[in-house]
Structure formats: structure tokens, C-alpha cells
Amino acid sequence: MAYKEKEIEKVYYSIGEVSEMFNVAPSLIRFWESEFELIQPKKNRKGNRQFTKEDINNVKIIYHLVKEKGFTLQGAKEILKSDVQTVNQKIELIESLKNIRHFLLEVKDKL
């Protein structure tokens, strides 16, 4: 049986890494943190923000509503108050469909 090396997953991500994931400025992430209760990263002794996977998922929800769907901050807040779970499910569905599309395009290129 061959040895399979495990991928190392980070537990905490810096604000710079999170801002790169979404291609936005770190100041925007800090602003969203002050505007939305959904984003609550931990802070270390120096005061640096430490984002977990859950925090990143919450940033993804806000990014989707504000940047992709074009909601105002107030509109995004109202949607999040009413039904966060539905928004999260829609984002997961969109991600899944994008992955399927990418796979199908790869298959098309190999034909």
C-alpha cells in the first residue's frame, strides 16, 4: 500500500490571505467586520485578525450579496437577518455548478 501524504490545512488565515481570496482590499474586510455581525474573527495578542473556515464562509456570503448580486449594505443586512441558511445554500449550489462547468470544459478540450 502506497504512502499517501496528507494535505496540511491551515486553521487560521490572516486578513491579507482572506482579502486575496476575494480579490478585495483588507480595509474592505475590516469595514464589513464592523458592519456585519456575521464576521467575528478571533484576534491574537497583537490584535491581528485570525479567520477560520467559518469566518471565510461568512465573508463569502457577504461578498456574494454585495459584490456579485449588487445589494446595498442595508439590503444585505436585511437578507441575512431573514434567512442566512438559504443564501448559504444558493452559494453552495452556484459553486457546485461552476465546478461541474469547469469539469465539462476540461472534458470538451480533451476530445
PDB file of N, CA and C in Angstrom:
ATOM      1  N   MET A   1       0.836  -1.170   0.000  1.00  0.00           N
ATOM      2  CA  MET A   1       0.000   0.000   0.000  1.00  0.00           C
ATOM      3  C   MET A   1       0.891   1.246   0.000  1.00  0.00           C
ATOM      4  N   ALA A   2       0.623   2.144  -0.914  1.00  0.00           N
ATOM      5  CA  ALA A   2       1.449   3.337  -1.062  1.00  0.00           C
ATOM      6  C   ALA A   2       1.129   4.349   0.027  1.00  0.00           C
ATOM      7  N   TYR A   3       2.166   5.070   0.403  1.00  0.00           N
ATOM      8  CA  TYR A   3       2.009   6.118   1.402  1.00  0.00           C
ATOM      9  C   TYR A   3       1.372   7.331   0.744  1.00  0.00           C
ATOM     10  N   LYS A   4       0.324   7.824   1.341  1.00  0.00           N
ATOM     11  CA  LYS A   4      -0.365   8.994   0.808  1.00  0.00           C
ATOM     12  C   LYS A   4      -0.193  10.139   1.786  1.00  0.00           C
ATOM     13  N   GLU A   5       0.496  11.186   1.326  1.00  0.00           N
ATOM     14  CA  GLU A   5       0.750  12.322   2.200  1.00  0.00           C
ATOM     15  C   GLU A   5      -0.516  13.141   2.351  1.00  0.00           C
ATOM     16  N   LYS A   6      -0.793  13.526   3.578  1.00  0.00           N
ATOM     17  CA  LYS A   6      -1.974  14.317   3.873  1.00  0.00           C
ATOM     18  C   LYS A   6      -1.696  15.786   3.575  1.00  0.00           C
ATOM     19  N   GLU A   7      -2.686  16.455   3.003  1.00  0.00           N
ATOM     20  CA  GLU A   7      -2.551  17.888   2.791  1.00  0.00           C
ATOM     21  C   GLU A   7      -2.716  18.600   4.121  1.00  0.00           C
ATOM     22  N   ILE A   8      -1.876  19.567   4.336  1.00  0.00           N
ATOM     23  CA  ILE A   8      -1.946  20.326   5.577  1.00  0.00           C
ATOM     24  C   ILE A   8      -2.915  21.482   5.373  1.00  0.00           C
ATOM     25  N   GLU A   9      -3.918  21.526   6.219  1.00  0.00           N
ATOM     26  CA  GLU A   9      -4.889  22.618   6.146  1.00  0.00           C
ATOM     27  C   GLU A   9      -4.625  23.598   7.269  1.00  0.00           C
ATOM     28  N   LYS A  10      -4.688  24.852   6.930  1.00  0.00           N
ATOM     29  CA  LYS A  10      -4.482  25.884   7.937  1.00  0.00           C
ATOM     30  C   LYS A  10      -5.735  26.011   8.796  1.00  0.00           C
ATOM     31  N   VAL A  11      -5.538  26.343  10.041  1.00  0.00           N
ATOM     32  CA  VAL A  11      -6.650  26.581  10.948  1.00  0.00           C
ATOM     33  C   VAL A  11      -7.050  28.047  10.896  1.00  0.00           C
ATOM     34  N   TYR A  12      -6.050  28.921  10.840  1.00  0.00           N
ATOM     35  CA  TYR A  12      -6.305  30.357  10.825  1.00  0.00           C
ATOM     36  C   TYR A  12      -5.673  31.003   9.601  1.00  0.00           C
ATOM     37  N   TYR A  13      -6.367  31.977   9.051  1.00  0.00           N
ATOM     38  CA  TYR A  13      -5.879  32.735   7.900  1.00  0.00           C
ATOM     39  C   TYR A  13      -5.807  34.206   8.296  1.00  0.00           C
ATOM     40  N   SER A  14      -4.794  34.904   7.764  1.00  0.00           N
ATOM     41  CA  SER A  14      -4.655  36.330   8.048  1.00  0.00           C
ATOM     42  C   SER A  14      -5.625  37.120   7.185  1.00  0.00           C
ATOM     43  N   ILE A  15      -5.801  38.382   7.529  1.00  0.00           N
ATOM     44  CA  ILE A  15      -6.706  39.231   6.761  1.00  0.00           C
ATOM     45  C   ILE A  15      -6.171  39.430   5.341  1.00  0.00           C
ATOM     46  N   GLY A  16      -4.861  39.431   5.179  1.00  0.00           N
ATOM     47  CA  GLY A  16      -4.265  39.548   3.855  1.00  0.00           C
ATOM     48  C   GLY A  16      -4.603  38.356   2.983  1.00  0.00           C
ATOM     49  N   GLU A  17      -4.540  37.160   3.553  1.00  0.00           N
ATOM     50  CA  GLU A  17      -4.874  35.951   2.799  1.00  0.00           C
ATOM     51  C   GLU A  17      -6.357  35.938   2.418  1.00  0.00           C
ATOM     52  N   VAL A  18      -7.201  36.366   3.333  1.00  0.00           N
ATOM     53  CA  VAL A  18      -8.642  36.401   3.051  1.00  0.00           C
ATOM     54  C   VAL A  18      -8.941  37.427   1.967  1.00  0.00           C
ATOM     55  N   SER A  19      -8.290  38.582   2.039  1.00  0.00           N
ATOM     56  CA  SER A  19      -8.534  39.614   1.027  1.00  0.00           C
ATOM     57  C   SER A  19      -8.055  39.154  -0.349  1.00  0.00           C
ATOM     58  N   GLU A  20      -6.975  38.368  -0.403  1.00  0.00           N
ATOM     59  CA  GLU A  20      -6.508  37.819  -1.678  1.00  0.00           C
ATOM     60  C   GLU A  20      -7.499  36.800  -2.240  1.00  0.00           C
ATOM     61  N   MET A  21      -8.121  36.019  -1.361  1.00  0.00           N
ATOM     62  CA  MET A  21      -9.099  35.020  -1.814  1.00  0.00           C
ATOM     63  C   MET A  21     -10.248  35.673  -2.578  1.00  0.00           C
ATOM     64  N   PHE A  22     -10.642  36.857  -2.141  1.00  0.00           N
ATOM     65  CA  PHE A  22     -11.786  37.541  -2.740  1.00  0.00           C
ATOM     66  C   PHE A  22     -11.376  38.714  -3.627  1.00  0.00           C
ATOM     67  N   ASN A  23     -10.071  38.929  -3.755  1.00  0.00           N
ATOM     68  CA  ASN A  23      -9.540  39.985  -4.594  1.00  0.00           C
ATOM     69  C   ASN A  23     -10.106  41.360  -4.191  1.00  0.00           C
ATOM     70  N   VAL A  24     -10.097  41.620  -2.898  1.00  0.00           N
ATOM     71  CA  VAL A  24     -10.539  42.907  -2.353  1.00  0.00           C
ATOM     72  C   VAL A  24      -9.458  43.425  -1.404  1.00  0.00           C
ATOM     73  N   ALA A  25      -9.552  44.669  -1.034  1.00  0.00           N
ATOM     74  CA  ALA A  25      -8.592  45.266  -0.104  1.00  0.00           C
ATOM     75  C   ALA A  25      -8.877  44.800   1.326  1.00  0.00           C
ATOM     76  N   PRO A  26      -7.834  44.644   2.141  1.00  0.00           N
ATOM     77  CA  PRO A  26      -8.056  44.275   3.548  1.00  0.00           C
ATOM     78  C   PRO A  26      -8.948  45.272   4.282  1.00  0.00           C
ATOM     79  N   SER A  27      -8.891  46.530   3.875  1.00  0.00           N
ATOM     80  CA  SER A  27      -9.731  47.534   4.533  1.00  0.00           C
ATOM     81  C   SER A  27     -11.215  47.244   4.329  1.00  0.00           C
ATOM     82  N   LEU A  28     -11.571  46.664   3.179  1.00  0.00           N
ATOM     83  CA  LEU A  28     -12.968  46.305   2.937  1.00  0.00           C
ATOM     84  C   LEU A  28     -13.413  45.185   3.874  1.00  0.00           C
ATOM     85  N   ILE A  29     -12.546  44.214   4.120  1.00  0.00           N
ATOM     86  CA  ILE A  29     -12.861  43.125   5.055  1.00  0.00           C
ATOM     87  C   ILE A  29     -13.055  43.706   6.460  1.00  0.00           C
ATOM     88  N   ARG A  30     -12.175  44.623   6.858  1.00  0.00           N
ATOM     89  CA  ARG A  30     -12.316  45.262   8.179  1.00  0.00           C
ATOM     90  C   ARG A  30     -13.620  46.057   8.264  1.00  0.00           C
ATOM     91  N   PHE A  31     -13.968  46.739   7.173  1.00  0.00           N
ATOM     92  CA  PHE A  31     -15.216  47.507   7.150  1.00  0.00           C
ATOM     93  C   PHE A  31     -16.412  46.577   7.285  1.00  0.00           C
ATOM     94  N   TRP A  32     -16.420  45.479   6.527  1.00  0.00           N
ATOM     95  CA  TRP A  32     -17.522  44.522   6.621  1.00  0.00           C
ATOM     96  C   TRP A  32     -17.604  43.935   8.025  1.00  0.00           C
ATOM     97  N   GLU A  33     -16.460  43.733   8.659  1.00  0.00           N
ATOM     98  CA  GLU A  33     -16.451  43.212  10.030  1.00  0.00           C
ATOM     99  C   GLU A  33     -17.177  44.169  10.967  1.00  0.00           C
ATOM    100  N   SER A  34     -17.001  45.474  10.737  1.00  0.00           N
ATOM    101  CA  SER A  34     -17.673  46.445  11.602  1.00  0.00           C
ATOM    102  C   SER A  34     -19.164  46.578  11.264  1.00  0.00           C
ATOM    103  N   GLU A  35     -19.535  46.292  10.039  1.00  0.00           N
ATOM    104  CA  GLU A  35     -20.919  46.456   9.599  1.00  0.00           C
ATOM    105  C   GLU A  35     -21.787  45.212   9.831  1.00  0.00           C
ATOM    106  N   PHE A  36     -21.202  44.037   9.717  1.00  0.00           N
ATOM    107  CA  PHE A  36     -21.964  42.786   9.798  1.00  0.00           C
ATOM    108  C   PHE A  36     -21.562  41.991  11.033  1.00  0.00           C
ATOM    109  N   GLU A  37     -22.539  41.568  11.809  1.00  0.00           N
ATOM    110  CA  GLU A  37     -22.284  40.751  12.993  1.00  0.00           C
ATOM    111  C   GLU A  37     -21.819  39.349  12.620  1.00  0.00           C
ATOM    112  N   LEU A  38     -22.063  38.956  11.386  1.00  0.00           N
ATOM    113  CA  LEU A  38     -21.744  37.614  10.911  1.00  0.00           C
ATOM    114  C   LEU A  38     -20.237  37.360  10.911  1.00  0.00           C
ATOM    115  N   ILE A  39     -19.436  38.395  10.690  1.00  0.00           N
ATOM    116  CA  ILE A  39     -17.983  38.247  10.632  1.00  0.00           C
ATOM    117  C   ILE A  39     -17.404  38.582  12.002  1.00  0.00           C
ATOM    118  N   GLN A  40     -16.866  37.584  12.676  1.00  0.00           N
ATOM    119  CA  GLN A  40     -16.286  37.756  14.009  1.00  0.00           C
ATOM    120  C   GLN A  40     -14.966  36.994  14.099  1.00  0.00           C
ATOM    121  N   PRO A  41     -13.903  37.457  13.417  1.00  0.00           N
ATOM    122  CA  PRO A  41     -12.626  36.733  13.520  1.00  0.00           C
ATOM    123  C   PRO A  41     -12.008  36.896  14.909  1.00  0.00           C
ATOM    124  N   LYS A  42     -11.232  35.899  15.301  1.00  0.00           N
ATOM    125  CA  LYS A  42     -10.513  35.993  16.567  1.00  0.00           C
ATOM    126  C   LYS A  42      -9.331  36.927  16.367  1.00  0.00           C
ATOM    127  N   LYS A  43      -8.857  37.495  17.448  1.00  0.00           N
ATOM    128  CA  LYS A  43      -7.675  38.351  17.383  1.00  0.00           C
ATOM    129  C   LYS A  43      -6.626  37.785  18.328  1.00  0.00           C
ATOM    130  N   ASN A  44      -5.371  37.788  17.856  1.00  0.00           N
ATOM    131  CA  ASN A  44      -4.293  37.302  18.717  1.00  0.00           C
ATOM    132  C   ASN A  44      -3.840  38.413  19.658  1.00  0.00           C
ATOM    133  N   ARG A  45      -2.781  38.185  20.391  1.00  0.00           N
ATOM    134  CA  ARG A  45      -2.320  39.163  21.387  1.00  0.00           C
ATOM    135  C   ARG A  45      -1.921  40.486  20.742  1.00  0.00           C
ATOM    136  N   LYS A  46      -1.420  40.420  19.536  1.00  0.00           N
ATOM    137  CA  LYS A  46      -1.022  41.637  18.820  1.00  0.00           C
ATOM    138  C   LYS A  46      -2.221  42.382  18.248  1.00  0.00           C
ATOM    139  N   GLY A  47      -3.363  41.721  18.204  1.00  0.00           N
ATOM    140  CA  GLY A  47      -4.552  42.337  17.631  1.00  0.00           C
ATOM    141  C   GLY A  47      -4.773  41.968  16.174  1.00  0.00           C
ATOM    142  N   ASN A  48      -3.953  41.051  15.646  1.00  0.00           N
ATOM    143  CA  ASN A  48      -4.132  40.605  14.267  1.00  0.00           C
ATOM    144  C   ASN A  48      -5.344  39.682  14.165  1.00  0.00           C
ATOM    145  N   ARG A  49      -6.124  39.881  13.128  1.00  0.00           N
ATOM    146  CA  ARG A  49      -7.311  39.057  12.925  1.00  0.00           C
ATOM    147  C   ARG A  49      -6.904  37.674  12.441  1.00  0.00           C
ATOM    148  N   GLN A  50      -7.574  36.647  12.969  1.00  0.00           N
ATOM    149  CA  GLN A  50      -7.335  35.270  12.580  1.00  0.00           C
ATOM    150  C   GLN A  50      -8.668  34.669  12.131  1.00  0.00           C
ATOM    151  N   PHE A  51      -8.794  34.462  10.835  1.00  0.00           N
ATOM    152  CA  PHE A  51     -10.034  33.973  10.248  1.00  0.00           C
ATOM    153  C   PHE A  51     -10.024  32.451  10.166  1.00  0.00           C
ATOM    154  N   THR A  52     -11.129  31.836  10.595  1.00  0.00           N
ATOM    155  CA  THR A  52     -11.307  30.395  10.453  1.00  0.00           C
ATOM    156  C   THR A  52     -12.063  30.129   9.151  1.00  0.00           C
ATOM    157  N   LYS A  53     -12.237  28.853   8.823  1.00  0.00           N
ATOM    158  CA  LYS A  53     -13.004  28.483   7.623  1.00  0.00           C
ATOM    159  C   LYS A  53     -14.427  29.038   7.700  1.00  0.00           C
ATOM    160  N   GLU A  54     -15.013  28.997   8.891  1.00  0.00           N
ATOM    161  CA  GLU A  54     -16.371  29.519   9.075  1.00  0.00           C
ATOM    162  C   GLU A  54     -16.419  31.029   8.827  1.00  0.00           C
ATOM    163  N   ASP A  55     -15.403  31.740   9.323  1.00  0.00           N
ATOM    164  CA  ASP A  55     -15.337  33.184   9.078  1.00  0.00           C
ATOM    165  C   ASP A  55     -15.216  33.473   7.585  1.00  0.00           C
ATOM    166  N   ILE A  56     -14.397  32.684   6.897  1.00  0.00           N
ATOM    167  CA  ILE A  56     -14.210  32.873   5.455  1.00  0.00           C
ATOM    168  C   ILE A  56     -15.509  32.588   4.719  1.00  0.00           C
ATOM    169  N   ASN A  57     -16.243  31.582   5.165  1.00  0.00           N
ATOM    170  CA  ASN A  57     -17.538  31.281   4.555  1.00  0.00           C
ATOM    171  C   ASN A  57     -18.509  32.444   4.752  1.00  0.00           C
ATOM    172  N   ASN A  58     -18.480  33.074   5.913  1.00  0.00           N
ATOM    173  CA  ASN A  58     -19.339  34.232   6.171  1.00  0.00           C
ATOM    174  C   ASN A  58     -18.946  35.424   5.296  1.00  0.00           C
ATOM    175  N   VAL A  59     -17.646  35.615   5.092  1.00  0.00           N
ATOM    176  CA  VAL A  59     -17.187  36.675   4.187  1.00  0.00           C
ATOM    177  C   VAL A  59     -17.659  36.369   2.767  1.00  0.00           C
ATOM    178  N   LYS A  60     -17.634  35.087   2.405  1.00  0.00           N
ATOM    179  CA  LYS A  60     -18.086  34.684   1.068  1.00  0.00           C
ATOM    180  C   LYS A  60     -19.564  35.022   0.869  1.00  0.00           C
ATOM    181  N   ILE A  61     -20.374  34.821   1.894  1.00  0.00           N
ATOM    182  CA  ILE A  61     -21.796  35.143   1.818  1.00  0.00           C
ATOM    183  C   ILE A  61     -21.988  36.640   1.589  1.00  0.00           C
ATOM    184  N   ILE A  62     -21.279  37.447   2.353  1.00  0.00           N
ATOM    185  CA  ILE A  62     -21.405  38.902   2.215  1.00  0.00           C
ATOM    186  C   ILE A  62     -20.866  39.362   0.869  1.00  0.00           C
ATOM    187  N   TYR A  63     -19.742  38.784   0.442  1.00  0.00           N
ATOM    188  CA  TYR A  63     -19.171  39.130  -0.867  1.00  0.00           C
ATOM    189  C   TYR A  63     -20.179  38.825  -1.977  1.00  0.00           C
ATOM    190  N   HIS A  64     -20.819  37.667  -1.881  1.00  0.00           N
ATOM    191  CA  HIS A  64     -21.804  37.265  -2.890  1.00  0.00           C
ATOM    192  C   HIS A  64     -22.951  38.266  -2.958  1.00  0.00           C
ATOM    193  N   LEU A  65     -23.472  38.638  -1.805  1.00  0.00           N
ATOM    194  CA  LEU A  65     -24.610  39.556  -1.777  1.00  0.00           C
ATOM    195  C   LEU A  65     -24.237  40.956  -2.255  1.00  0.00           C
ATOM    196  N   VAL A  66     -23.110  41.466  -1.774  1.00  0.00           N
ATOM    197  CA  VAL A  66     -22.753  42.864  -2.055  1.00  0.00           C
ATOM    198  C   VAL A  66     -22.083  43.015  -3.420  1.00  0.00           C
ATOM    199  N   LYS A  67     -21.093  42.193  -3.709  1.00  0.00           N
ATOM    200  CA  LYS A  67     -20.305  42.373  -4.926  1.00  0.00           C
ATOM    201  C   LYS A  67     -20.909  41.682  -6.144  1.00  0.00           C
ATOM    202  N   GLU A  68     -21.420  40.458  -5.964  1.00  0.00           N
ATOM    203  CA  GLU A  68     -21.937  39.704  -7.108  1.00  0.00           C
ATOM    204  C   GLU A  68     -23.399  40.019  -7.404  1.00  0.00           C
ATOM    205  N   LYS A  69     -24.209  40.136  -6.368  1.00  0.00           N
ATOM    206  CA  LYS A  69     -25.638  40.404  -6.564  1.00  0.00           C
ATOM    207  C   LYS A  69     -25.965  41.888  -6.582  1.00  0.00           C
ATOM    208  N   GLY A  70     -25.064  42.737  -6.070  1.00  0.00           N
ATOM    209  CA  GLY A  70     -25.251  44.175  -6.127  1.00  0.00           C
ATOM    210  C   GLY A  70     -26.156  44.761  -5.058  1.00  0.00           C
ATOM    211  N   PHE A  71     -26.323  44.054  -3.945  1.00  0.00           N
ATOM    212  CA  PHE A  71     -27.143  44.586  -2.860  1.00  0.00           C
ATOM    213  C   PHE A  71     -26.398  45.714  -2.147  1.00  0.00           C
ATOM    214  N   THR A  72     -27.145  46.641  -1.590  1.00  0.00           N
ATOM    215  CA  THR A  72     -26.548  47.641  -0.714  1.00  0.00           C
ATOM    216  C   THR A  72     -26.225  46.956   0.611  1.00  0.00           C
ATOM    217  N   LEU A  73     -25.466  47.629   1.446  1.00  0.00           N
ATOM    218  CA  LEU A  73     -25.145  47.039   2.751  1.00  0.00           C
ATOM    219  C   LEU A  73     -26.407  46.816   3.570  1.00  0.00           C
ATOM    220  N   GLN A  74     -27.315  47.773   3.528  1.00  0.00           N
ATOM    221  CA  GLN A  74     -28.567  47.629   4.268  1.00  0.00           C
ATOM    222  C   GLN A  74     -29.395  46.471   3.718  1.00  0.00           C
ATOM    223  N   GLY A  75     -29.453  46.349   2.399  1.00  0.00           N
ATOM    224  CA  GLY A  75     -30.198  45.246   1.787  1.00  0.00           C
ATOM    225  C   GLY A  75     -29.603  43.897   2.148  1.00  0.00           C
ATOM    226  N   ALA A  76     -28.271  43.816   2.152  1.00  0.00           N
ATOM    227  CA  ALA A  76     -27.604  42.568   2.528  1.00  0.00           C
ATOM    228  C   ALA A  76     -27.880  42.235   3.992  1.00  0.00           C
ATOM    229  N   LYS A  77     -27.887  43.241   4.856  1.00  0.00           N
ATOM    230  CA  LYS A  77     -28.179  43.016   6.277  1.00  0.00           C
ATOM    231  C   LYS A  77     -29.585  42.458   6.465  1.00  0.00           C
ATOM    232  N   GLU A  78     -30.540  43.004   5.720  1.00  0.00           N
ATOM    233  CA  GLU A  78     -31.923  42.537   5.842  1.00  0.00           C
ATOM    234  C   GLU A  78     -32.060  41.096   5.373  1.00  0.00           C
ATOM    235  N   ILE A  79     -31.395  40.748   4.287  1.00  0.00           N
ATOM    236  CA  ILE A  79     -31.452  39.369   3.792  1.00  0.00           C
ATOM    237  C   ILE A  79     -30.813  38.427   4.802  1.00  0.00           C
ATOM    238  N   LEU A  80     -29.697  38.827   5.365  1.00  0.00           N
ATOM    239  CA  LEU A  80     -29.020  37.977   6.343  1.00  0.00           C
ATOM    240  C   LEU A  80     -29.843  37.817   7.617  1.00  0.00           C
ATOM    241  N   LYS A  81     -30.596  38.842   8.000  1.00  0.00           N
ATOM    242  CA  LYS A  81     -31.461  38.727   9.174  1.00  0.00           C
ATOM    243  C   LYS A  81     -32.591  37.736   8.919  1.00  0.00           C
ATOM    244  N   SER A  82     -33.105  37.739   7.688  1.00  0.00           N
ATOM    245  CA  SER A  82     -34.254  36.892   7.400  1.00  0.00           C
ATOM    246  C   SER A  82     -33.873  35.428   7.209  1.00  0.00           C
ATOM    247  N   ASP A  83     -32.830  35.155   6.390  1.00  0.00           N
ATOM    248  CA  ASP A  83     -32.548  33.748   6.106  1.00  0.00           C
ATOM    249  C   ASP A  83     -31.120  33.547   5.605  1.00  0.00           C
ATOM    250  N   VAL A  84     -30.188  33.352   6.514  1.00  0.00           N
ATOM    251  CA  VAL A  84     -28.786  33.121   6.166  1.00  0.00           C
ATOM    252  C   VAL A  84     -28.615  31.752   5.513  1.00  0.00           C
ATOM    253  N   GLN A  85     -29.358  30.767   5.998  1.00  0.00           N
ATOM    254  CA  GLN A  85     -29.211  29.395   5.517  1.00  0.00           C
ATOM    255  C   GLN A  85     -29.542  29.284   4.030  1.00  0.00           C
ATOM    256  N   THR A  86     -30.593  29.944   3.582  1.00  0.00           N
ATOM    257  CA  THR A  86     -30.976  29.890   2.175  1.00  0.00           C
ATOM    258  C   THR A  86     -29.904  30.520   1.301  1.00  0.00           C
ATOM    259  N   VAL A  87     -29.364  31.643   1.734  1.00  0.00           N
ATOM    260  CA  VAL A  87     -28.301  32.303   0.976  1.00  0.00           C
ATOM    261  C   VAL A  87     -27.093  31.395   0.888  1.00  0.00           C
ATOM    262  N   ASN A  88     -26.732  30.748   1.984  1.00  0.00           N
ATOM    263  CA  ASN A  88     -25.599  29.838   2.008  1.00  0.00           C
ATOM    264  C   ASN A  88     -25.818  28.659   1.068  1.00  0.00           C
ATOM    265  N   GLN A  89     -27.016  28.118   1.034  1.00  0.00           N
ATOM    266  CA  GLN A  89     -27.324  27.004   0.144  1.00  0.00           C
ATOM    267  C   GLN A  89     -27.226  27.427  -1.316  1.00  0.00           C
ATOM    268  N   LYS A  90     -27.681  28.633  -1.633  1.00  0.00           N
ATOM    269  CA  LYS A  90     -27.593  29.130  -3.003  1.00  0.00           C
ATOM    270  C   LYS A  90     -26.142  29.295  -3.430  1.00  0.00           C
ATOM    271  N   ILE A  91     -25.309  29.785  -2.535  1.00  0.00           N
ATOM    272  CA  ILE A  91     -23.887  29.959  -2.851  1.00  0.00           C
ATOM    273  C   ILE A  91     -23.232  28.603  -3.093  1.00  0.00           C
ATOM    274  N   GLU A  92     -23.553  27.619  -2.257  1.00  0.00           N
ATOM    275  CA  GLU A  92     -23.011  26.273  -2.437  1.00  0.00           C
ATOM    276  C   GLU A  92     -23.456  25.684  -3.774  1.00  0.00           C
ATOM    277  N   LEU A  93     -24.701  25.915  -4.161  1.00  0.00           N
ATOM    278  CA  LEU A  93     -25.214  25.433  -5.435  1.00  0.00           C
ATOM    279  C   LEU A  93     -24.470  26.081  -6.595  1.00  0.00           C
ATOM    280  N   ILE A  94     -24.235  27.382  -6.507  1.00  0.00           N
ATOM    281  CA  ILE A  94     -23.510  28.092  -7.557  1.00  0.00           C
ATOM    282  C   ILE A  94     -22.087  27.554  -7.675  1.00  0.00           C
ATOM    283  N   GLU A  95     -21.421  27.333  -6.533  1.00  0.00           N
ATOM    284  CA  GLU A  95     -20.058  26.784  -6.535  1.00  0.00           C
ATOM    285  C   GLU A  95     -20.047  25.402  -7.192  1.00  0.00           C
ATOM    286  N   SER A  96     -21.026  24.582  -6.853  1.00  0.00           N
ATOM    287  CA  SER A  96     -21.115  23.241  -7.422  1.00  0.00           C
ATOM    288  C   SER A  96     -21.313  23.298  -8.932  1.00  0.00           C
ATOM    289  N   LEU A  97     -22.188  24.174  -9.384  1.00  0.00           N
ATOM    290  CA  LEU A  97     -22.418  24.309 -10.822  1.00  0.00           C
ATOM    291  C   LEU A  97     -21.180  24.824 -11.549  1.00  0.00           C
ATOM    292  N   LYS A  98     -20.438  25.721 -10.933  1.00  0.00           N
ATOM    293  CA  LYS A  98     -19.186  26.214 -11.538  1.00  0.00           C
ATOM    294  C   LYS A  98     -18.173  25.087 -11.671  1.00  0.00           C
ATOM    295  N   ASN A  99     -18.087  24.227 -10.640  1.00  0.00           N
ATOM    296  CA  ASN A  99     -17.168  23.091 -10.695  1.00  0.00           C
ATOM    297  C   ASN A  99     -17.561  22.116 -11.804  1.00  0.00           C
ATOM    298  N   ILE A 100     -18.852  21.864 -11.939  1.00  0.00           N
ATOM    299  CA  ILE A 100     -19.327  20.966 -12.995  1.00  0.00           C
ATOM    300  C   ILE A 100     -19.019  21.555 -14.365  1.00  0.00           C
ATOM    301  N   ARG A 101     -19.239  22.845 -14.521  1.00  0.00           N
ATOM    302  CA  ARG A 101     -18.945  23.513 -15.797  1.00  0.00           C
ATOM    303  C   ARG A 101     -17.461  23.414 -16.124  1.00  0.00           C
ATOM    304  N   HIS A 102     -16.619  23.652 -15.122  1.00  0.00           N
ATOM    305  CA  HIS A 102     -15.172  23.561 -15.325  1.00  0.00           C
ATOM    306  C   HIS A 102     -14.781  22.147 -15.765  1.00  0.00           C
ATOM    307  N   PHE A 103     -15.355  21.142 -15.105  1.00  0.00           N
ATOM    308  CA  PHE A 103     -15.074  19.749 -15.453  1.00  0.00           C
ATOM    309  C   PHE A 103     -15.502  19.443 -16.884  1.00  0.00           C
ATOM    310  N   LEU A 104     -16.699  19.893 -17.254  1.00  0.00           N
ATOM    311  CA  LEU A 104     -17.191  19.620 -18.598  1.00  0.00           C
ATOM    312  C   LEU A 104     -16.342  20.322 -19.666  1.00  0.00           C
ATOM    313  N   LEU A 105     -15.869  21.518 -19.371  1.00  0.00           N
ATOM    314  CA  LEU A 105     -14.996  22.211 -20.316  1.00  0.00           C
ATOM    315  C   LEU A 105     -13.663  21.491 -20.472  1.00  0.00           C
ATOM    316  N   GLU A 106     -13.146  20.916 -19.395  1.00  0.00           N
ATOM    317  CA  GLU A 106     -11.931  20.113 -19.478  1.00  0.00           C
ATOM    318  C   GLU A 106     -12.138  18.872 -20.337  1.00  0.00           C
ATOM    319  N   VAL A 107     -13.277  18.214 -20.155  1.00  0.00           N
ATOM    320  CA  VAL A 107     -13.595  17.028 -20.966  1.00  0.00           C
ATOM    321  C   VAL A 107     -13.717  17.420 -22.436  1.00  0.00           C
ATOM    322  N   LYS A 108     -14.356  18.534 -22.715  1.00  0.00           N
ATOM    323  CA  LYS A 108     -14.517  19.029 -24.091  1.00  0.00           C
ATOM    324  C   LYS A 108     -13.153  19.288 -24.731  1.00  0.00           C
ATOM    325  N   ASP A 109     -12.239  19.890 -23.985  1.00  0.00           N
ATOM    326  CA  ASP A 109     -10.905  20.194 -24.515  1.00  0.00           C
ATOM    327  C   ASP A 109     -10.107  18.935 -24.826  1.00  0.00           C
ATOM    328  N   LYS A 110     -10.350  17.866 -24.067  1.00  0.00           N
ATOM    329  CA  LYS A 110      -9.608  16.608 -24.277  1.00  0.00           C
ATOM    330  C   LYS A 110     -10.152  15.799 -25.443  1.00  0.00           C
ATOM    331  N   LEU A 111     -11.348  16.106 -25.907  1.00  0.00           N
ATOM    332  CA  LEU A 111     -11.934  15.375 -27.035  1.00  0.00           C
ATOM    333  C   LEU A 111     -11.380  15.786 -28.355  1.00  0.00           C
TER     334      LEU A 111
END
